Amino acid sequence: MAQLIFTQQLGRFLPVPQVNTDATDLRAALDAAFAGQPRLRGYVLDEQGHLRENVVIFIDGKRNADRVRLDDALAPDSRVYILQALSGG
């Protein structure tokens, strides 16, 4: 099963447990995570369902390719890291 790991930056706002899913693409995997924690959707996706500008996702060490469709393929053993990019100086 693919594993979604939400980093602690998001954990400041709400519980972000690791999620195991048999989803075959990123959008379906995120939907599985949101089913268990609906409030998480607003921190990760904007009103159009696109990845928020301050959120970065890495799948097996590579940044996801499409921030709109979120159709990156997942392997059964993929590790997906979802994090909020930090800004400031």
PDB file of N, CA and C in Angstrom:
ATOM      1  N   MET A   1       0.837  -1.195   0.000  1.00  0.00           N
ATOM      2  CA  MET A   1       0.000   0.000   0.000  1.00  0.00           C
ATOM      3  C   MET A   1       0.876   1.249   0.000  1.00  0.00           C
ATOM      4  N   ALA A   2       0.426   2.263  -0.740  1.00  0.00           N
ATOM      5  CA  ALA A   2       1.126   3.538  -0.731  1.00  0.00           C
ATOM      6  C   ALA A   2       0.925   4.190   0.635  1.00  0.00           C
ATOM      7  N   GLN A   3       1.921   4.924   1.054  1.00  0.00           N
ATOM      8  CA  GLN A   3       1.869   5.565   2.369  1.00  0.00           C
ATOM      9  C   GLN A   3       1.957   7.076   2.196  1.00  0.00           C
ATOM     10  N   LEU A   4       0.985   7.804   2.751  1.00  0.00           N
ATOM     11  CA  LEU A   4       0.998   9.259   2.748  1.00  0.00           C
ATOM     12  C   LEU A   4       1.481   9.738   4.107  1.00  0.00           C
ATOM     13  N   ILE A   5       2.455  10.626   4.078  1.00  0.00           N
ATOM     14  CA  ILE A   5       3.042  11.140   5.304  1.00  0.00           C
ATOM     15  C   ILE A   5       2.918  12.667   5.276  1.00  0.00           C
ATOM     16  N   PHE A   6       2.130  13.191   6.187  1.00  0.00           N
ATOM     17  CA  PHE A   6       1.959  14.637   6.302  1.00  0.00           C
ATOM     18  C   PHE A   6       2.968  15.134   7.329  1.00  0.00           C
ATOM     19  N   THR A   7       3.775  16.105   6.936  1.00  0.00           N
ATOM     20  CA  THR A   7       4.815  16.587   7.836  1.00  0.00           C
ATOM     21  C   THR A   7       4.230  17.438   8.958  1.00  0.00           C
ATOM     22  N   GLN A   8       5.031  17.684   9.946  1.00  0.00           N
ATOM     23  CA  GLN A   8       4.567  18.342  11.161  1.00  0.00           C
ATOM     24  C   GLN A   8       4.153  19.791  10.966  1.00  0.00           C
ATOM     25  N   GLN A   9       4.554  20.437   9.863  1.00  0.00           N
ATOM     26  CA  GLN A   9       4.069  21.804   9.633  1.00  0.00           C
ATOM     27  C   GLN A   9       2.542  21.796   9.596  1.00  0.00           C
ATOM     28  N   LEU A  10       1.949  20.802   8.943  1.00  0.00           N
ATOM     29  CA  LEU A  10       0.492  20.696   8.913  1.00  0.00           C
ATOM     30  C   LEU A  10      -0.052  20.228  10.263  1.00  0.00           C
ATOM     31  N   GLY A  11       0.743  19.501  11.000  1.00  0.00           N
ATOM     32  CA  GLY A  11       0.327  18.999  12.300  1.00  0.00           C
ATOM     33  C   GLY A  11       0.108  20.080  13.337  1.00  0.00           C
ATOM     34  N   ARG A  12       0.564  21.285  13.055  1.00  0.00           N
ATOM     35  CA  ARG A  12       0.311  22.395  13.984  1.00  0.00           C
ATOM     36  C   ARG A  12      -1.156  22.778  13.996  1.00  0.00           C
ATOM     37  N   PHE A  13      -1.867  22.477  12.918  1.00  0.00           N
ATOM     38  CA  PHE A  13      -3.242  22.930  12.758  1.00  0.00           C
ATOM     39  C   PHE A  13      -4.287  21.856  13.041  1.00  0.00           C
ATOM     40  N   LEU A  14      -3.946  20.596  12.813  1.00  0.00           N
ATOM     41  CA  LEU A  14      -4.890  19.499  13.008  1.00  0.00           C
ATOM     42  C   LEU A  14      -4.134  18.176  12.983  1.00  0.00           C
ATOM     43  N   PRO A  15      -4.735  17.123  13.510  1.00  0.00           N
ATOM     44  CA  PRO A  15      -4.059  15.825  13.503  1.00  0.00           C
ATOM     45  C   PRO A  15      -3.795  15.362  12.072  1.00  0.00           C
ATOM     46  N   VAL A  16      -2.593  14.882  11.823  1.00  0.00           N
ATOM     47  CA  VAL A  16      -2.225  14.421  10.480  1.00  0.00           C
ATOM     48  C   VAL A  16      -1.596  13.020  10.561  1.00  0.00           C
ATOM     49  N   PRO A  17      -2.437  12.031  10.731  1.00  0.00           N
ATOM     50  CA  PRO A  17      -1.898  10.675  10.816  1.00  0.00           C
ATOM     51  C   PRO A  17      -1.369  10.210   9.465  1.00  0.00           C
ATOM     52  N   GLN A  18      -0.465   9.241   9.495  1.00  0.00           N
ATOM     53  CA  GLN A  18      -0.038   8.613   8.250  1.00  0.00           C
ATOM     54  C   GLN A  18      -1.205   7.825   7.695  1.00  0.00           C
ATOM     55  N   VAL A  19      -1.320   7.804   6.388  1.00  0.00           N
ATOM     56  CA  VAL A  19      -2.433   7.132   5.723  1.00  0.00           C
ATOM     57  C   VAL A  19      -1.876   6.093   4.768  1.00  0.00           C
ATOM     58  N   ASN A  20      -2.376   4.883   4.867  1.00  0.00           N
ATOM     59  CA  ASN A  20      -2.038   3.832   3.919  1.00  0.00           C
ATOM     60  C   ASN A  20      -3.223   3.649   2.989  1.00  0.00           C
ATOM     61  N   THR A  21      -2.947   3.575   1.682  1.00  0.00           N
ATOM     62  CA  THR A  21      -4.019   3.481   0.710  1.00  0.00           C
ATOM     63  C   THR A  21      -3.591   2.628  -0.473  1.00  0.00           C
ATOM     64  N   ASP A  22      -4.560   2.015  -1.109  1.00  0.00           N
ATOM     65  CA  ASP A  22      -4.273   1.253  -2.323  1.00  0.00           C
ATOM     66  C   ASP A  22      -4.559   2.081  -3.574  1.00  0.00           C
ATOM     67  N   ALA A  23      -4.675   3.394  -3.430  1.00  0.00           N
ATOM     68  CA  ALA A  23      -4.912   4.296  -4.562  1.00  0.00           C
ATOM     69  C   ALA A  23      -3.760   4.188  -5.559  1.00  0.00           C
ATOM     70  N   THR A  24      -4.089   4.365  -6.832  1.00  0.00           N
ATOM     71  CA  THR A  24      -3.073   4.256  -7.879  1.00  0.00           C
ATOM     72  C   THR A  24      -2.617   5.612  -8.409  1.00  0.00           C
ATOM     73  N   ASP A  25      -3.254   6.701  -7.942  1.00  0.00           N
ATOM     74  CA  ASP A  25      -2.771   8.027  -8.315  1.00  0.00           C
ATOM     75  C   ASP A  25      -2.889   8.974  -7.124  1.00  0.00           C
ATOM     76  N   LEU A  26      -2.224  10.095  -7.238  1.00  0.00           N
ATOM     77  CA  LEU A  26      -2.129  11.038  -6.121  1.00  0.00           C
ATOM     78  C   LEU A  26      -3.490  11.579  -5.706  1.00  0.00           C
ATOM     79  N   ARG A  27      -4.336  11.950  -6.662  1.00  0.00           N
ATOM     80  CA  ARG A  27      -5.654  12.517  -6.326  1.00  0.00           C
ATOM     81  C   ARG A  27      -6.459  11.531  -5.477  1.00  0.00           C
ATOM     82  N   ALA A  28      -6.503  10.264  -5.880  1.00  0.00           N
ATOM     83  CA  ALA A  28      -7.265   9.254  -5.133  1.00  0.00           C
ATOM     84  C   ALA A  28      -6.660   9.031  -3.752  1.00  0.00           C
ATOM     85  N   ALA A  29      -5.343   9.085  -3.650  1.00  0.00           N
ATOM     86  CA  ALA A  29      -4.685   8.910  -2.354  1.00  0.00           C
ATOM     87  C   ALA A  29      -5.028  10.068  -1.423  1.00  0.00           C
ATOM     88  N   LEU A  30      -5.005  11.288  -1.943  1.00  0.00           N
ATOM     89  CA  LEU A  30      -5.374  12.440  -1.121  1.00  0.00           C
ATOM     90  C   LEU A  30      -6.836  12.351  -0.696  1.00  0.00           C
ATOM     91  N   ASP A  31      -7.709  11.933  -1.602  1.00  0.00           N
ATOM     92  CA  ASP A  31      -9.120  11.779  -1.247  1.00  0.00           C
ATOM     93  C   ASP A  31      -9.288  10.783  -0.110  1.00  0.00           C
ATOM     94  N   ALA A  32      -8.492   9.714  -0.113  1.00  0.00           N
ATOM     95  CA  ALA A  32      -8.552   8.733   0.977  1.00  0.00           C
ATOM     96  C   ALA A  32      -8.137   9.377   2.298  1.00  0.00           C
ATOM     97  N   ALA A  33      -7.124  10.227   2.259  1.00  0.00           N
ATOM     98  CA  ALA A  33      -6.689  10.923   3.476  1.00  0.00           C
ATOM     99  C   ALA A  33      -7.755  11.902   3.949  1.00  0.00           C
ATOM    100  N   PHE A  34      -8.376  12.616   3.017  1.00  0.00           N
ATOM    101  CA  PHE A  34      -9.402  13.591   3.382  1.00  0.00           C
ATOM    102  C   PHE A  34     -10.648  12.919   3.936  1.00  0.00           C
ATOM    103  N   ALA A  35     -10.916  11.698   3.515  1.00  0.00           N
ATOM    104  CA  ALA A  35     -12.087  10.972   4.033  1.00  0.00           C
ATOM    105  C   ALA A  35     -11.950  10.761   5.541  1.00  0.00           C
ATOM    106  N   GLY A  36     -10.722  10.533   5.998  1.00  0.00           N
ATOM    107  CA  GLY A  36     -10.486  10.333   7.422  1.00  0.00           C
ATOM    108  C   GLY A  36     -10.294  11.617   8.200  1.00  0.00           C
ATOM    109  N   GLN A  37      -9.930  12.695   7.524  1.00  0.00           N
ATOM    110  CA  GLN A  37      -9.684  13.985   8.165  1.00  0.00           C
ATOM    111  C   GLN A  37     -10.151  15.085   7.196  1.00  0.00           C
ATOM    112  N   PRO A  38     -11.454  15.338   7.107  1.00  0.00           N
ATOM    113  CA  PRO A  38     -12.002  16.285   6.121  1.00  0.00           C
ATOM    114  C   PRO A  38     -11.414  17.697   6.189  1.00  0.00           C
ATOM    115  N   ARG A  39     -11.074  18.182   7.370  1.00  0.00           N
ATOM    116  CA  ARG A  39     -10.519  19.539   7.496  1.00  0.00           C
ATOM    117  C   ARG A  39      -9.161  19.678   6.808  1.00  0.00           C
ATOM    118  N   LEU A  40      -8.487  18.565   6.627  1.00  0.00           N
ATOM    119  CA  LEU A  40      -7.164  18.584   6.001  1.00  0.00           C
ATOM    120  C   LEU A  40      -7.232  19.084   4.561  1.00  0.00           C
ATOM    121  N   ARG A  41      -8.342  18.815   3.881  1.00  0.00           N
ATOM    122  CA  ARG A  41      -8.492  19.224   2.473  1.00  0.00           C
ATOM    123  C   ARG A  41      -8.203  20.715   2.291  1.00  0.00           C
ATOM    124  N   GLY A  42      -8.729  21.563   3.155  1.00  0.00           N
ATOM    125  CA  GLY A  42      -8.553  23.002   3.021  1.00  0.00           C
ATOM    126  C   GLY A  42      -7.124  23.473   3.214  1.00  0.00           C
ATOM    127  N   TYR A  43      -6.313  22.700   3.884  1.00  0.00           N
ATOM    128  CA  TYR A  43      -4.910  23.059   4.065  1.00  0.00           C
ATOM    129  C   TYR A  43      -4.057  22.609   2.890  1.00  0.00           C
ATOM    130  N   VAL A  44      -4.528  21.616   2.143  1.00  0.00           N
ATOM    131  CA  VAL A  44      -3.753  21.040   1.042  1.00  0.00           C
ATOM    132  C   VAL A  44      -4.241  21.542  -0.316  1.00  0.00           C
ATOM    133  N   LEU A  45      -5.553  21.618  -0.500  1.00  0.00           N
ATOM    134  CA  LEU A  45      -6.130  22.016  -1.787  1.00  0.00           C
ATOM    135  C   LEU A  45      -6.848  23.356  -1.670  1.00  0.00           C
ATOM    136  N   ASP A  46      -6.860  24.101  -2.779  1.00  0.00           N
ATOM    137  CA  ASP A  46      -7.599  25.359  -2.787  1.00  0.00           C
ATOM    138  C   ASP A  46      -9.063  25.110  -3.164  1.00  0.00           C
ATOM    139  N   GLU A  47      -9.812  26.175  -3.382  1.00  0.00           N
ATOM    140  CA  GLU A  47     -11.248  26.070  -3.645  1.00  0.00           C
ATOM    141  C   GLU A  47     -11.557  25.355  -4.959  1.00  0.00           C
ATOM    142  N   GLN A  48     -10.616  25.345  -5.904  1.00  0.00           N
ATOM    143  CA  GLN A  48     -10.805  24.656  -7.177  1.00  0.00           C
ATOM    144  C   GLN A  48     -10.322  23.208  -7.133  1.00  0.00           C
ATOM    145  N   GLY A  49      -9.806  22.778  -5.979  1.00  0.00           N
ATOM    146  CA  GLY A  49      -9.292  21.415  -5.860  1.00  0.00           C
ATOM    147  C   GLY A  49      -7.874  21.251  -6.356  1.00  0.00           C
ATOM    148  N   HIS A  50      -7.173  22.367  -6.562  1.00  0.00           N
ATOM    149  CA  HIS A  50      -5.775  22.340  -6.988  1.00  0.00           C
ATOM    150  C   HIS A  50      -4.870  22.421  -5.763  1.00  0.00           C
ATOM    151  N   LEU A  51      -3.676  21.941  -5.911  1.00  0.00           N
ATOM    152  CA  LEU A  51      -2.715  21.997  -4.813  1.00  0.00           C
ATOM    153  C   LEU A  51      -2.418  23.452  -4.472  1.00  0.00           C
ATOM    154  N   ARG A  52      -2.496  23.789  -3.193  1.00  0.00           N
ATOM    155  CA  ARG A  52      -2.196  25.157  -2.764  1.00  0.00           C
ATOM    156  C   ARG A  52      -0.742  25.491  -3.084  1.00  0.00           C
ATOM    157  N   GLU A  53      -0.502  26.781  -3.332  1.00  0.00           N
ATOM    158  CA  GLU A  53       0.842  27.227  -3.710  1.00  0.00           C
ATOM    159  C   GLU A  53       1.873  26.954  -2.637  1.00  0.00           C
ATOM    160  N   ASN A  54       1.464  26.952  -1.371  1.00  0.00           N
ATOM    161  CA  ASN A  54       2.425  26.754  -0.284  1.00  0.00           C
ATOM    162  C   ASN A  54       2.553  25.286   0.125  1.00  0.00           C
ATOM    163  N   VAL A  55       1.992  24.371  -0.660  1.00  0.00           N
ATOM    164  CA  VAL A  55       2.091  22.949  -0.356  1.00  0.00           C
ATOM    165  C   VAL A  55       2.933  22.270  -1.433  1.00  0.00           C
ATOM    166  N   VAL A  56       3.821  21.407  -0.988  1.00  0.00           N
ATOM    167  CA  VAL A  56       4.698  20.656  -1.887  1.00  0.00           C
ATOM    168  C   VAL A  56       4.510  19.175  -1.588  1.00  0.00           C
ATOM    169  N   ILE A  57       4.461  18.362  -2.656  1.00  0.00           N
ATOM    170  CA  ILE A  57       4.312  16.924  -2.494  1.00  0.00           C
ATOM    171  C   ILE A  57       5.450  16.220  -3.218  1.00  0.00           C
ATOM    172  N   PHE A  58       6.051  15.276  -2.518  1.00  0.00           N
ATOM    173  CA  PHE A  58       7.099  14.442  -3.094  1.00  0.00           C
ATOM    174  C   PHE A  58       6.617  12.998  -3.102  1.00  0.00           C
ATOM    175  N   ILE A  59       6.752  12.359  -4.261  1.00  0.00           N
ATOM    176  CA  ILE A  59       6.385  10.950  -4.417  1.00  0.00           C
ATOM    177  C   ILE A  59       7.660  10.184  -4.695  1.00  0.00           C
ATOM    178  N   ASP A  60       8.011   9.301  -3.780  1.00  0.00           N
ATOM    179  CA  ASP A  60       9.242   8.510  -3.914  1.00  0.00           C
ATOM    180  C   ASP A  60      10.444   9.396  -4.223  1.00  0.00           C
ATOM    181  N   GLY A  61      10.516  10.537  -3.534  1.00  0.00           N
ATOM    182  CA  GLY A  61      11.669  11.421  -3.644  1.00  0.00           C
ATOM    183  C   GLY A  61      11.619  12.421  -4.782  1.00  0.00           C
ATOM    184  N   LYS A  62      10.559  12.391  -5.611  1.00  0.00           N
ATOM    185  CA  LYS A  62      10.447  13.328  -6.732  1.00  0.00           C
ATOM    186  C   LYS A  62       9.217  14.202  -6.533  1.00  0.00           C
ATOM    187  N   ARG A  63       9.389  15.481  -6.842  1.00  0.00           N
ATOM    188  CA  ARG A  63       8.273  16.424  -6.694  1.00  0.00           C
ATOM    189  C   ARG A  63       7.156  16.069  -7.672  1.00  0.00           C
ATOM    190  N   ASN A  64       5.899  16.170  -7.205  1.00  0.00           N
ATOM    191  CA  ASN A  64       4.797  15.819  -8.099  1.00  0.00           C
ATOM    192  C   ASN A  64       4.782  16.758  -9.301  1.00  0.00           C
ATOM    193  N   ALA A  65       4.318  16.237 -10.437  1.00  0.00           N
ATOM    194  CA  ALA A  65       4.437  16.948 -11.703  1.00  0.00           C
ATOM    195  C   ALA A  65       3.302  17.936 -11.969  1.00  0.00           C
ATOM    196  N   ASP A  66       2.099  17.625 -11.565  1.00  0.00           N
ATOM    197  CA  ASP A  66       0.948  18.434 -11.931  1.00  0.00           C
ATOM    198  C   ASP A  66       0.203  18.881 -10.685  1.00  0.00           C
ATOM    199  N   ARG A  67       0.102  20.196 -10.495  1.00  0.00           N
ATOM    200  CA  ARG A  67      -0.547  20.745  -9.302  1.00  0.00           C
ATOM    201  C   ARG A  67      -2.057  20.898  -9.480  1.00  0.00           C
ATOM    202  N   VAL A  68      -2.561  20.654 -10.688  1.00  0.00           N
ATOM    203  CA  VAL A  68      -3.983  20.816 -10.972  1.00  0.00           C
ATOM    204  C   VAL A  68      -4.687  19.462 -10.998  1.00  0.00           C
ATOM    205  N   ARG A  69      -4.268  18.581 -11.894  1.00  0.00           N
ATOM    206  CA  ARG A  69      -4.931  17.275 -12.012  1.00  0.00           C
ATOM    207  C   ARG A  69      -4.528  16.328 -10.888  1.00  0.00           C
ATOM    208  N   LEU A  70      -3.301  16.458 -10.396  1.00  0.00           N
ATOM    209  CA  LEU A  70      -2.787  15.578  -9.340  1.00  0.00           C
ATOM    210  C   LEU A  70      -2.922  14.112  -9.750  1.00  0.00           C
ATOM    211  N   ASP A  71      -2.577  13.833 -10.996  1.00  0.00           N
ATOM    212  CA  ASP A  71      -2.737  12.481 -11.528  1.00  0.00           C
ATOM    213  C   ASP A  71      -1.438  11.685 -11.565  1.00  0.00           C
ATOM    214  N   ASP A  72      -0.449  12.103 -10.789  1.00  0.00           N
ATOM    215  CA  ASP A  72       0.803  11.348 -10.716  1.00  0.00           C
ATOM    216  C   ASP A  72       0.496   9.918 -10.287  1.00  0.00           C
ATOM    217  N   ALA A  73       1.130   8.964 -10.959  1.00  0.00           N
ATOM    218  CA  ALA A  73       0.914   7.547 -10.642  1.00  0.00           C
ATOM    219  C   ALA A  73       1.612   7.178  -9.337  1.00  0.00           C
ATOM    220  N   LEU A  74       0.987   6.271  -8.588  1.00  0.00           N
ATOM    221  CA  LEU A  74       1.580   5.731  -7.371  1.00  0.00           C
ATOM    222  C   LEU A  74       1.801   4.239  -7.549  1.00  0.00           C
ATOM    223  N   ALA A  75       2.929   3.779  -7.063  1.00  0.00           N
ATOM    224  CA  ALA A  75       3.204   2.349  -7.025  1.00  0.00           C
ATOM    225  C   ALA A  75       2.641   1.800  -5.713  1.00  0.00           C
ATOM    226  N   PRO A  76       2.451   0.505  -5.620  1.00  0.00           N
ATOM    227  CA  PRO A  76       1.920  -0.064  -4.381  1.00  0.00           C
ATOM    228  C   PRO A  76       2.759   0.265  -3.141  1.00  0.00           C
ATOM    229  N   ASP A  77       4.055   0.507  -3.341  1.00  0.00           N
ATOM    230  CA  ASP A  77       4.928   0.787  -2.193  1.00  0.00           C
ATOM    231  C   ASP A  77       5.403   2.247  -2.151  1.00  0.00           C
ATOM    232  N   SER A  78       4.700   3.141  -2.844  1.00  0.00           N
ATOM    233  CA  SER A  78       5.111   4.550  -2.881  1.00  0.00           C
ATOM    234  C   SER A  78       5.025   5.188  -1.500  1.00  0.00           C
ATOM    235  N   ARG A  79       5.953   6.129  -1.283  1.00  0.00           N
ATOM    236  CA  ARG A  79       5.928   6.962  -0.084  1.00  0.00           C
ATOM    237  C   ARG A  79       5.700   8.388  -0.566  1.00  0.00           C
ATOM    238  N   VAL A  80       4.638   8.992  -0.056  1.00  0.00           N
ATOM    239  CA  VAL A  80       4.218  10.324  -0.490  1.00  0.00           C
ATOM    240  C   VAL A  80       4.336  11.263   0.707  1.00  0.00           C
ATOM    241  N   TYR A  81       5.150  12.297   0.550  1.00  0.00           N
ATOM    242  CA  TYR A  81       5.322  13.284   1.613  1.00  0.00           C
ATOM    243  C   TYR A  81       4.595  14.556   1.218  1.00  0.00           C
ATOM    244  N   ILE A  82       3.723  15.044   2.093  1.00  0.00           N
ATOM    245  CA  ILE A  82       2.968  16.264   1.874  1.00  0.00           C
ATOM    246  C   ILE A  82       3.430  17.280   2.914  1.00  0.00           C
ATOM    247  N   LEU A  83       3.912  18.423   2.453  1.00  0.00           N
ATOM    248  CA  LEU A  83       4.410  19.411   3.414  1.00  0.00           C
ATOM    249  C   LEU A  83       4.047  20.829   2.977  1.00  0.00           C
ATOM    250  N   GLN A  84       3.964  21.698   3.948  1.00  0.00           N
ATOM    251  CA  GLN A  84       3.790  23.116   3.660  1.00  0.00           C
ATOM    252  C   GLN A  84       5.168  23.718   3.501  1.00  0.00           C
ATOM    253  N   ALA A  85       5.354  24.430   2.396  1.00  0.00           N
ATOM    254  CA  ALA A  85       6.606  25.123   2.184  1.00  0.00           C
ATOM    255  C   ALA A  85       6.682  26.285   3.180  1.00  0.00           C
ATOM    256  N   LEU A  86       7.839  26.488   3.746  1.00  0.00           N
ATOM    257  CA  LEU A  86       8.036  27.590   4.681  1.00  0.00           C
ATOM    258  C   LEU A  86       8.502  28.812   3.920  1.00  0.00           C
ATOM    259  N   SER A  87       8.037  29.968   4.327  1.00  0.00           N
ATOM    260  CA  SER A  87       8.462  31.205   3.694  1.00  0.00           C
ATOM    261  C   SER A  87       8.918  32.194   4.756  1.00  0.00           C
ATOM    262  N   GLY A  88       9.506  33.234   4.309  1.00  0.00           N
ATOM    263  CA  GLY A  88       9.988  34.242   5.243  1.00  0.00           C
ATOM    264  C   GLY A  88      11.491  34.411   5.106  1.00  0.00           C
ATOM    265  N   GLY A  89      12.046  35.235   5.921  1.00  0.00           N
ATOM    266  CA  GLY A  89      13.474  35.460   5.759  1.00  0.00           C
ATOM    267  C   GLY A  89      14.118  35.844   7.040  1.00  0.00           C
TER     268      GLY A  89
END
